[in-house]
Amino acid sequence: MVHNTTSKEDNLNLQVNSISKNWYGKYSLSLNEDSEDWRDIHEITLEISKDSVTYKAAGFQLYEFYKLEIKEKKEAAIHLNFSTALDNTENQVFLEETKDFGIITFDGSKYFWKCPYIDERFTDGKKETYILKKEAYK
């Protein structure tokens, strides 16, 4: 007898595998990179592969590493949500505010990220659109 059950992880893998390979890669942005105080600079990395989507934030007294899930996908946009904290880095306060990691859109030449989590976490709720730098997927 074969049981047809799919775990949450299998479901996430199906979601990632069902997006275009054009999305695969490492995306990055620097927050406050022009600040005179190096402690204000935060490096955000988003990595999309055939197996997973991860978010990492690093900086002075800052380290967050999360697995995200693709909530919705369209040809030129994907919507991300928090899934699991990795390396014991869960930021309970901000994840209670929002688990929404926003929408990444591609306009044909640039990637743009509207991310409520980053807005809450790093810009005191000020809504921003971040331009992502993309490295090719290896």
N, C-alpha and C. Protein backbone atom coordinates (compact mmCIF):
# COMPACT_ATOMS: atom_id res chain seq x y z
N MET A 1 0.85 -1.18 0.00
CA MET A 1 0.00 0.00 0.00
C MET A 1 0.89 1.24 0.00
N VAL A 2 0.63 2.17 -0.90
CA VAL A 2 1.42 3.39 -1.02
C VAL A 2 0.62 4.54 -0.44
N HIS A 3 1.27 5.25 0.48
CA HIS A 3 0.62 6.44 1.06
C HIS A 3 1.06 7.65 0.26
N ASN A 4 0.11 8.43 -0.16
CA ASN A 4 0.43 9.63 -0.92
C ASN A 4 0.39 10.83 0.01
N THR A 5 1.45 10.99 0.77
CA THR A 5 1.52 12.13 1.67
C THR A 5 2.73 12.97 1.28
N THR A 6 2.56 14.26 1.39
CA THR A 6 3.69 15.15 1.12
C THR A 6 3.93 15.97 2.37
N SER A 7 5.16 15.98 2.78
CA SER A 7 5.51 16.78 3.95
C SER A 7 5.61 18.25 3.54
N LYS A 8 5.70 19.12 4.53
CA LYS A 8 5.83 20.55 4.25
C LYS A 8 7.11 20.79 3.44
N GLU A 9 8.18 20.07 3.79
CA GLU A 9 9.45 20.26 3.07
C GLU A 9 9.32 19.83 1.61
N ASP A 10 8.64 18.71 1.35
CA ASP A 10 8.42 18.28 -0.03
C ASP A 10 7.64 19.35 -0.78
N ASN A 11 6.65 19.92 -0.11
CA ASN A 11 5.84 20.96 -0.71
C ASN A 11 6.70 22.19 -1.06
N LEU A 12 7.61 22.57 -0.15
CA LEU A 12 8.50 23.70 -0.42
C LEU A 12 9.39 23.40 -1.60
N ASN A 13 9.92 22.17 -1.66
CA ASN A 13 10.77 21.79 -2.78
C ASN A 13 10.01 21.84 -4.09
N LEU A 14 8.76 21.42 -4.07
CA LEU A 14 7.94 21.49 -5.28
C LEU A 14 7.78 22.94 -5.70
N GLN A 15 7.57 23.81 -4.72
CA GLN A 15 7.40 25.22 -5.04
C GLN A 15 8.65 25.79 -5.69
N VAL A 16 9.81 25.52 -5.09
CA VAL A 16 11.06 26.06 -5.62
C VAL A 16 11.33 25.47 -6.99
N ASN A 17 11.13 24.16 -7.12
CA ASN A 17 11.40 23.51 -8.41
C ASN A 17 10.47 23.99 -9.50
N SER A 18 9.33 24.55 -9.14
CA SER A 18 8.38 24.96 -10.16
C SER A 18 8.61 26.40 -10.65
N ILE A 19 9.61 27.09 -10.11
CA ILE A 19 9.90 28.44 -10.62
C ILE A 19 10.93 28.34 -11.74
N SER A 20 10.98 29.35 -12.55
CA SER A 20 11.93 29.40 -13.65
C SER A 20 13.36 29.42 -13.11
N LYS A 21 14.25 28.75 -13.81
CA LYS A 21 15.66 28.73 -13.41
C LYS A 21 16.27 30.13 -13.49
N ASN A 22 15.62 31.03 -14.18
CA ASN A 22 16.12 32.41 -14.26
C ASN A 22 16.16 33.08 -12.89
N TRP A 23 15.36 32.58 -11.95
CA TRP A 23 15.35 33.14 -10.59
C TRP A 23 16.52 32.62 -9.76
N TYR A 24 17.10 31.49 -10.13
CA TYR A 24 18.19 30.91 -9.34
C TYR A 24 19.37 31.88 -9.30
N GLY A 25 19.95 32.02 -8.11
CA GLY A 25 21.12 32.88 -7.98
C GLY A 25 21.23 33.46 -6.59
N LYS A 26 22.24 34.29 -6.42
CA LYS A 26 22.49 34.94 -5.14
C LYS A 26 22.25 36.44 -5.34
N TYR A 27 21.34 36.97 -4.54
CA TYR A 27 20.97 38.38 -4.62
C TYR A 27 21.49 39.08 -3.37
N SER A 28 21.93 40.32 -3.52
CA SER A 28 22.44 41.02 -2.35
C SER A 28 22.10 42.50 -2.40
N LEU A 29 22.11 43.09 -1.22
CA LEU A 29 21.96 44.53 -1.09
C LEU A 29 22.63 44.95 0.20
N SER A 30 23.09 46.19 0.21
CA SER A 30 23.70 46.77 1.40
C SER A 30 22.82 47.89 1.89
N LEU A 31 22.49 47.84 3.18
CA LEU A 31 21.71 48.92 3.79
C LEU A 31 22.67 49.85 4.50
N ASN A 32 22.45 51.13 4.37
CA ASN A 32 23.25 52.16 5.03
C ASN A 32 24.73 52.12 4.63
N GLU A 33 25.02 51.71 3.40
CA GLU A 33 26.41 51.58 3.00
C GLU A 33 27.15 52.91 2.94
N ASP A 34 26.41 54.03 2.89
CA ASP A 34 27.04 55.35 2.87
C ASP A 34 27.20 55.94 4.27
N SER A 35 26.82 55.18 5.30
CA SER A 35 26.91 55.68 6.67
C SER A 35 28.36 55.90 7.07
N GLU A 36 28.59 56.95 7.85
CA GLU A 36 29.94 57.21 8.36
C GLU A 36 30.30 56.23 9.46
N ASP A 37 29.29 55.61 10.07
CA ASP A 37 29.53 54.63 11.13
C ASP A 37 29.36 53.22 10.55
N TRP A 38 30.45 52.48 10.47
CA TRP A 38 30.43 51.14 9.88
C TRP A 38 29.45 50.21 10.58
N ARG A 39 29.10 50.51 11.82
CA ARG A 39 28.17 49.64 12.56
C ARG A 39 26.75 49.71 12.03
N ASP A 40 26.45 50.73 11.24
CA ASP A 40 25.11 50.89 10.66
C ASP A 40 24.93 50.08 9.38
N ILE A 41 26.02 49.56 8.82
CA ILE A 41 25.96 48.86 7.54
C ILE A 41 25.47 47.42 7.74
N HIS A 42 24.47 47.03 6.94
CA HIS A 42 23.92 45.67 7.00
C HIS A 42 23.95 45.06 5.61
N GLU A 43 24.46 43.86 5.53
CA GLU A 43 24.51 43.13 4.27
C GLU A 43 23.38 42.11 4.26
N ILE A 44 22.53 42.18 3.25
CA ILE A 44 21.40 41.26 3.11
C ILE A 44 21.67 40.38 1.88
N THR A 45 21.52 39.08 2.06
CA THR A 45 21.72 38.14 0.95
C THR A 45 20.51 37.22 0.85
N LEU A 46 20.07 37.02 -0.35
CA LEU A 46 18.97 36.12 -0.64
C LEU A 46 19.49 35.12 -1.67
N GLU A 47 19.38 33.84 -1.36
CA GLU A 47 19.88 32.83 -2.28
C GLU A 47 18.74 31.91 -2.70
N ILE A 48 18.55 31.83 -4.01
CA ILE A 48 17.49 30.99 -4.56
C ILE A 48 18.15 29.89 -5.39
N SER A 49 17.90 28.66 -5.01
CA SER A 49 18.44 27.52 -5.75
C SER A 49 17.30 26.57 -6.06
N LYS A 50 17.64 25.46 -6.71
CA LYS A 50 16.61 24.48 -7.04
C LYS A 50 16.07 23.82 -5.78
N ASP A 51 16.82 23.91 -4.66
CA ASP A 51 16.43 23.23 -3.43
C ASP A 51 15.79 24.13 -2.38
N SER A 52 16.15 25.41 -2.37
CA SER A 52 15.66 26.26 -1.28
C SER A 52 15.80 27.74 -1.59
N VAL A 53 15.20 28.53 -0.70
CA VAL A 53 15.35 29.98 -0.71
C VAL A 53 15.80 30.36 0.69
N THR A 54 16.95 31.04 0.80
CA THR A 54 17.43 31.46 2.11
C THR A 54 17.67 32.97 2.13
N TYR A 55 17.49 33.53 3.32
CA TYR A 55 17.69 34.95 3.58
C TYR A 55 18.75 35.04 4.68
N LYS A 56 19.73 35.91 4.48
CA LYS A 56 20.75 36.11 5.51
C LYS A 56 20.99 37.61 5.66
N ALA A 57 21.02 38.07 6.91
CA ALA A 57 21.36 39.46 7.22
C ALA A 57 22.56 39.44 8.16
N ALA A 58 23.58 40.23 7.83
CA ALA A 58 24.79 40.26 8.65
C ALA A 58 25.25 41.70 8.81
N GLY A 59 25.85 41.97 9.96
CA GLY A 59 26.38 43.29 10.25
C GLY A 59 26.80 43.34 11.70
N PHE A 60 27.05 44.54 12.21
CA PHE A 60 27.47 44.70 13.60
C PHE A 60 26.35 44.22 14.53
N GLN A 61 26.65 43.23 15.34
CA GLN A 61 25.69 42.60 16.26
C GLN A 61 24.42 42.16 15.55
N LEU A 62 24.57 41.68 14.33
CA LEU A 62 23.43 41.23 13.54
C LEU A 62 23.79 39.96 12.79
N TYR A 63 22.98 38.93 12.99
CA TYR A 63 23.09 37.72 12.18
C TYR A 63 21.73 37.04 12.19
N GLU A 64 21.09 37.01 11.02
CA GLU A 64 19.82 36.32 10.86
C GLU A 64 19.95 35.42 9.65
N PHE A 65 19.44 34.20 9.77
CA PHE A 65 19.53 33.24 8.68
C PHE A 65 18.23 32.46 8.66
N TYR A 66 17.43 32.65 7.62
CA TYR A 66 16.10 32.05 7.55
C TYR A 66 15.90 31.30 6.24
N LYS A 67 15.09 30.27 6.32
CA LYS A 67 14.61 29.61 5.12
C LYS A 67 13.27 30.25 4.79
N LEU A 68 13.09 30.60 3.53
CA LEU A 68 11.85 31.23 3.09
C LEU A 68 11.10 30.27 2.18
N GLU A 69 9.83 30.55 2.00
CA GLU A 69 9.04 29.76 1.06
C GLU A 69 8.46 30.69 0.01
N ILE A 70 8.26 30.15 -1.16
CA ILE A 70 7.65 30.92 -2.23
C ILE A 70 6.14 30.79 -2.07
N LYS A 71 5.52 31.92 -1.77
CA LYS A 71 4.09 31.93 -1.50
C LYS A 71 3.30 31.98 -2.80
N GLU A 72 3.85 32.70 -3.77
CA GLU A 72 3.15 32.89 -5.03
C GLU A 72 4.20 33.22 -6.08
N LYS A 73 3.97 32.78 -7.30
CA LYS A 73 4.92 33.09 -8.37
C LYS A 73 4.18 33.53 -9.62
N LYS A 74 4.81 34.46 -10.31
CA LYS A 74 4.32 34.92 -11.60
C LYS A 74 5.53 34.97 -12.52
N GLU A 75 5.32 35.27 -13.76
CA GLU A 75 6.42 35.30 -14.73
C GLU A 75 7.55 36.21 -14.27
N ALA A 76 7.22 37.43 -13.85
CA ALA A 76 8.25 38.42 -13.52
C ALA A 76 8.26 38.78 -12.04
N ALA A 77 7.65 37.94 -11.17
CA ALA A 77 7.62 38.26 -9.74
C ALA A 77 7.46 36.99 -8.90
N ILE A 78 8.08 37.00 -7.74
CA ILE A 78 7.84 35.94 -6.75
C ILE A 78 7.58 36.58 -5.40
N HIS A 79 6.67 35.97 -4.64
CA HIS A 79 6.30 36.47 -3.32
C HIS A 79 6.87 35.50 -2.28
N LEU A 80 7.62 36.03 -1.31
CA LEU A 80 8.30 35.22 -0.31
C LEU A 80 7.70 35.38 1.08
N ASN A 81 7.72 34.29 1.85
CA ASN A 81 7.26 34.28 3.23
C ASN A 81 8.28 33.55 4.10
N PHE A 82 8.34 33.92 5.37
CA PHE A 82 9.20 33.22 6.32
C PHE A 82 8.75 31.78 6.46
N SER A 83 9.72 30.86 6.56
CA SER A 83 9.41 29.45 6.77
C SER A 83 10.03 28.96 8.08
N THR A 84 11.36 28.99 8.17
CA THR A 84 12.06 28.42 9.32
C THR A 84 13.30 29.24 9.65
N ALA A 85 13.59 29.39 10.93
CA ALA A 85 14.84 30.02 11.34
C ALA A 85 15.95 28.97 11.30
N LEU A 86 17.11 29.35 10.80
CA LEU A 86 18.26 28.47 10.74
C LEU A 86 19.35 28.99 11.68
N ASP A 87 20.22 28.14 12.14
CA ASP A 87 21.33 28.52 13.04
C ASP A 87 20.84 29.23 14.31
N ASN A 88 19.65 28.90 14.79
CA ASN A 88 19.09 29.51 16.01
C ASN A 88 19.07 31.03 15.95
N THR A 89 18.66 31.58 14.82
CA THR A 89 18.72 33.04 14.66
C THR A 89 17.37 33.74 14.65
N GLU A 90 16.33 33.06 15.00
CA GLU A 90 15.00 33.66 14.89
C GLU A 90 14.89 34.96 15.67
N ASN A 91 14.39 35.99 15.00
CA ASN A 91 14.17 37.29 15.61
C ASN A 91 12.68 37.38 15.92
N GLN A 92 12.31 36.91 17.09
CA GLN A 92 10.91 36.78 17.47
C GLN A 92 10.12 38.08 17.34
N VAL A 93 10.71 39.18 17.78
CA VAL A 93 10.00 40.46 17.78
C VAL A 93 9.54 40.84 16.38
N PHE A 94 10.45 40.82 15.42
CA PHE A 94 10.09 41.27 14.07
C PHE A 94 9.30 40.21 13.31
N LEU A 95 9.53 38.94 13.60
CA LEU A 95 8.76 37.90 12.91
C LEU A 95 7.32 37.85 13.41
N GLU A 96 7.07 38.36 14.62
CA GLU A 96 5.69 38.48 15.07
C GLU A 96 4.99 39.63 14.34
N GLU A 97 5.77 40.67 14.01
CA GLU A 97 5.22 41.82 13.28
C GLU A 97 4.82 41.39 11.87
N THR A 98 5.73 40.71 11.18
CA THR A 98 5.44 40.25 9.82
C THR A 98 6.30 39.06 9.44
N LYS A 99 5.69 38.10 8.80
CA LYS A 99 6.43 36.97 8.23
C LYS A 99 6.52 37.15 6.71
N ASP A 100 6.06 38.32 6.26
CA ASP A 100 6.01 38.63 4.83
C ASP A 100 7.37 39.17 4.38
N PHE A 101 8.05 38.41 3.53
CA PHE A 101 9.34 38.84 2.99
C PHE A 101 9.18 39.46 1.61
N GLY A 102 7.95 39.79 1.27
CA GLY A 102 7.68 40.64 0.13
C GLY A 102 7.75 40.01 -1.23
N ILE A 103 7.86 40.90 -2.20
CA ILE A 103 7.80 40.51 -3.60
C ILE A 103 9.06 40.99 -4.32
N ILE A 104 9.67 40.07 -5.05
CA ILE A 104 10.80 40.42 -5.91
C ILE A 104 10.25 40.46 -7.33
N THR A 105 10.53 41.56 -8.02
CA THR A 105 10.10 41.69 -9.40
C THR A 105 11.32 41.90 -10.29
N PHE A 106 11.18 41.48 -11.52
CA PHE A 106 12.24 41.64 -12.51
C PHE A 106 11.66 42.42 -13.67
N ASP A 107 12.30 43.55 -14.01
CA ASP A 107 11.76 44.39 -15.09
C ASP A 107 12.45 44.16 -16.43
N GLY A 108 13.26 43.11 -16.50
CA GLY A 108 13.98 42.82 -17.73
C GLY A 108 15.47 43.14 -17.62
N SER A 109 15.80 44.02 -16.67
CA SER A 109 17.21 44.33 -16.47
C SER A 109 17.60 44.39 -14.99
N LYS A 110 16.67 44.78 -14.12
CA LYS A 110 16.97 44.89 -12.69
C LYS A 110 15.96 44.12 -11.86
N TYR A 111 16.43 43.71 -10.67
CA TYR A 111 15.57 43.04 -9.69
C TYR A 111 15.24 44.04 -8.58
N PHE A 112 13.96 44.13 -8.25
CA PHE A 112 13.50 45.04 -7.20
C PHE A 112 12.81 44.22 -6.11
N TRP A 113 13.03 44.61 -4.86
CA TRP A 113 12.47 43.86 -3.73
C TRP A 113 11.71 44.82 -2.83
N LYS A 114 10.42 44.60 -2.69
CA LYS A 114 9.61 45.29 -1.69
C LYS A 114 9.43 44.29 -0.56
N CYS A 115 10.02 44.59 0.60
CA CYS A 115 10.08 43.61 1.68
C CYS A 115 9.61 44.21 3.00
N PRO A 116 8.36 43.92 3.41
CA PRO A 116 7.85 44.44 4.68
C PRO A 116 8.72 44.06 5.88
N TYR A 117 9.32 42.87 5.86
CA TYR A 117 10.19 42.47 6.98
C TYR A 117 11.39 43.41 7.10
N ILE A 118 12.06 43.68 6.00
CA ILE A 118 13.22 44.58 6.05
C ILE A 118 12.78 45.98 6.44
N ASP A 119 11.62 46.43 5.93
CA ASP A 119 11.10 47.75 6.30
C ASP A 119 10.90 47.84 7.82
N GLU A 120 10.29 46.82 8.41
CA GLU A 120 10.05 46.82 9.86
C GLU A 120 11.36 46.71 10.63
N ARG A 121 12.24 45.87 10.15
CA ARG A 121 13.47 45.55 10.88
C ARG A 121 14.51 46.65 10.80
N PHE A 122 14.65 47.29 9.62
CA PHE A 122 15.78 48.18 9.43
C PHE A 122 15.44 49.63 9.09
N THR A 123 14.20 49.94 8.72
CA THR A 123 13.88 51.32 8.34
C THR A 123 12.72 51.89 9.15
N ASP A 124 12.47 51.32 10.33
CA ASP A 124 11.40 51.79 11.21
C ASP A 124 10.05 51.87 10.51
N GLY A 125 9.79 50.91 9.64
CA GLY A 125 8.49 50.83 8.98
C GLY A 125 8.37 51.65 7.72
N LYS A 126 9.41 52.42 7.38
CA LYS A 126 9.38 53.21 6.15
C LYS A 126 9.45 52.26 4.96
N LYS A 127 8.48 52.33 4.07
CA LYS A 127 8.42 51.42 2.93
C LYS A 127 9.45 51.82 1.88
N GLU A 128 10.28 50.86 1.52
CA GLU A 128 11.35 51.08 0.55
C GLU A 128 11.24 50.05 -0.57
N THR A 129 11.81 50.37 -1.70
CA THR A 129 12.01 49.39 -2.76
C THR A 129 13.52 49.25 -2.91
N TYR A 130 14.01 48.04 -2.73
CA TYR A 130 15.43 47.78 -2.74
C TYR A 130 15.84 47.22 -4.10
N ILE A 131 16.96 47.69 -4.62
CA ILE A 131 17.49 47.14 -5.86
C ILE A 131 18.49 46.06 -5.49
N LEU A 132 18.28 44.88 -6.04
CA LEU A 132 19.14 43.73 -5.74
C LEU A 132 20.22 43.57 -6.80
N LYS A 133 21.42 43.22 -6.34
CA LYS A 133 22.49 42.82 -7.24
C LYS A 133 22.43 41.31 -7.33
N LYS A 134 22.52 40.76 -8.54
CA LYS A 134 22.41 39.32 -8.71
C LYS A 134 23.69 38.73 -9.25
N GLU A 135 24.14 37.66 -8.58
CA GLU A 135 25.24 36.85 -9.10
C GLU A 135 24.63 35.66 -9.81
N ALA A 136 25.27 35.20 -10.83
CA ALA A 136 24.76 34.04 -11.58
C ALA A 136 24.73 32.81 -10.70
N TYR A 137 23.78 31.96 -10.95
CA TYR A 137 23.65 30.68 -10.23
C TYR A 137 24.71 29.72 -10.74
N LYS A 138 25.38 29.06 -9.79
CA LYS A 138 26.44 28.11 -10.17
C LYS A 138 25.95 26.71 -10.00
